[in-house]
Protein backbone atom coordinates (compact mmCIF):
# COMPACT_ATOMS: atom_id res chain seq x y z
CA MET A 1 1.03 0.06 -7.71
CA SER A 2 4.23 2.03 -8.71
CA ILE A 3 7.79 1.69 -6.73
CA THR A 4 10.18 4.36 -6.74
CA LEU A 5 14.13 3.90 -6.09
CA GLU A 6 15.94 6.92 -5.05
CA THR A 7 19.35 7.98 -4.13
CA ILE A 8 20.74 5.08 -6.78
CA ASP A 9 23.62 6.38 -8.75
CA VAL A 10 22.77 5.10 -12.72
CA PRO A 11 25.27 5.29 -15.02
CA GLU A 12 25.08 7.65 -17.80
CA SER A 13 25.38 4.73 -20.45
CA GLY A 14 27.13 0.59 -20.17
CA LEU A 15 25.54 -1.95 -18.21
CA PHE A 16 24.13 -1.48 -15.21
CA GLU A 17 23.21 -4.06 -12.23
CA LEU A 18 20.43 -3.78 -10.06
CA ASN A 19 19.75 -6.01 -7.14
CA ILE A 20 17.05 -5.32 -4.66
CA GLN A 21 16.59 -6.88 -1.37
CA GLN A 22 15.05 -5.20 0.70
CA ILE A 23 12.17 -5.60 3.83
CA VAL A 24 9.81 -3.18 4.25
CA ASP A 25 7.10 -3.31 7.21
CA ILE A 26 3.91 -1.26 5.79
CA LYS A 27 1.83 -0.73 8.75
CA VAL A 28 0.11 2.49 7.42
CA ASN A 29 -1.39 1.74 3.68
CA ALA A 30 -1.97 3.66 0.73
CA ASP A 31 -5.14 4.88 0.70
CA THR A 32 -4.43 5.66 4.85
CA ALA A 33 -1.58 7.95 3.66
CA ARG A 34 -3.88 9.26 0.73
CA ARG A 35 -6.66 10.23 2.98
CA ARG A 36 -4.09 11.79 5.65
CA VAL A 37 -2.87 14.19 3.00
CA THR A 38 -6.69 15.27 1.85
CA ARG A 39 -7.03 15.62 5.47
CA TYR A 40 -4.31 17.83 5.79
CA VAL A 41 -4.31 19.58 2.84
CA GLY A 42 -8.16 20.57 3.07
CA ASP A 43 -7.46 21.42 6.79
CA TYR A 44 -4.80 23.78 6.49
CA LEU A 45 -4.00 24.60 3.01
CA GLY A 46 -7.95 24.94 1.07
CA ASP A 47 -10.78 22.42 0.27
CA LEU A 48 -10.24 22.27 -3.32
CA LEU A 49 -6.74 20.17 -2.90
CA TYR A 50 -6.97 16.71 -2.45
CA GLY A 51 -4.46 13.93 -1.85
CA GLU A 52 -4.11 10.96 -5.34
CA ASN A 53 -2.84 7.61 -5.44
CA PRO A 54 0.48 7.29 -3.95
CA THR A 55 3.74 5.36 -5.20
CA LEU A 56 5.81 3.78 -2.99
CA VAL A 57 9.33 4.95 -2.95
CA LEU A 58 12.47 3.52 -1.34
CA GLN A 59 15.12 6.00 -0.22
CA GLY A 60 18.16 3.67 0.80
CA SER A 61 17.09 1.69 4.01
CA ARG A 62 13.71 3.90 4.56
CA ALA A 63 10.38 4.11 2.81
CA ILE A 64 7.23 6.37 2.21
CA TRP A 65 4.05 7.02 0.17
CA ARG A 66 4.37 9.90 -2.07
CA VAL A 67 1.13 11.29 -2.30
CA PRO A 68 0.64 13.64 -5.33
CA ILE A 69 -1.28 16.79 -4.10
CA ALA A 70 -4.29 17.94 -6.95
CA VAL A 71 -6.52 20.67 -7.17
CA ALA A 72 -10.09 20.68 -8.47
CA THR A 73 -13.20 22.53 -8.85
CA GLY A 74 -16.77 20.82 -8.74
CA GLU A 75 -17.36 22.74 -12.56
CA MET A 76 -14.23 21.56 -13.93
CA GLY A 77 -13.04 18.84 -11.84
CA ARG A 78 -9.51 17.97 -11.81
CA ILE A 79 -7.27 21.18 -12.90
CA GLY A 80 -3.61 19.41 -12.36
CA GLN A 81 -1.28 18.17 -9.85
CA VAL A 82 0.23 21.09 -7.13
CA GLY A 83 2.48 19.22 -5.41
CA VAL A 84 3.41 15.98 -3.39
CA MET A 85 3.33 15.22 0.08
CA ASP A 86 5.27 12.25 1.80
CA VAL A 87 4.15 9.86 4.24
CA ASP A 88 6.00 7.35 6.91
CA VAL A 89 4.78 4.08 5.87
CA GLU A 90 5.78 2.82 9.62
CA THR A 91 4.13 5.65 11.05
CA GLY A 92 2.00 7.70 9.08
CA GLU A 93 4.18 11.02 9.97
CA LEU A 94 3.39 13.59 6.81
CA ASN A 95 6.43 15.23 5.95
CA VAL A 96 5.46 19.30 5.68
CA THR A 97 7.55 21.80 5.34
CA ASP A 98 7.13 25.84 5.07
CA ARG A 99 8.56 25.39 1.70
CA LEU A 100 6.03 22.22 0.69
CA VAL A 101 3.12 24.69 2.04
CA GLN A 102 4.19 27.75 -0.12
CA GLU A 103 5.09 25.62 -3.24
CA ILE A 104 1.58 24.25 -3.14
CA GLU A 105 -0.32 27.02 -2.45
CA HIS A 106 1.59 28.64 -5.15
CA ASN A 107 1.03 26.21 -7.93
CA ALA A 108 -2.55 26.00 -6.96
CA HIS A 109 -3.27 29.32 -7.02
CA ARG A 110 -1.42 30.01 -10.31
CA LEU A 111 -3.34 26.47 -11.96
CA VAL A 112 -6.80 27.83 -10.82
CA THR A 113 -6.32 31.55 -12.00
CA ARG A 114 -5.20 30.00 -15.38
CA SER A 115 -8.53 28.02 -15.47
CA PRO A 116 -11.87 29.38 -16.77
CA LEU A 117 -14.18 28.96 -13.72
């Protein structure tokens, strides 16, 4: 599993000291987050979309699962990633915005129409 730290100011050069101590109560595991994203994108955006393995992202005092969303066809398999969706590790709530939906739909259409089917 990967962990990503967000909102950390990193100097362009020189010494950088990083001490991390954070307690995260993971009530929704990575597989459940991936399945929730897959269900959402399949139900509302398109049946060729699915969630891939998430990364745990620490955002200050908050933690989320960041789930990559890919598009695939039965004939070609995975074509590529079209976006990411964040899932709260405590509540399982998906962070879905109109802008995110438009981005995913646009990227999926672009990838599928450029791929030989």
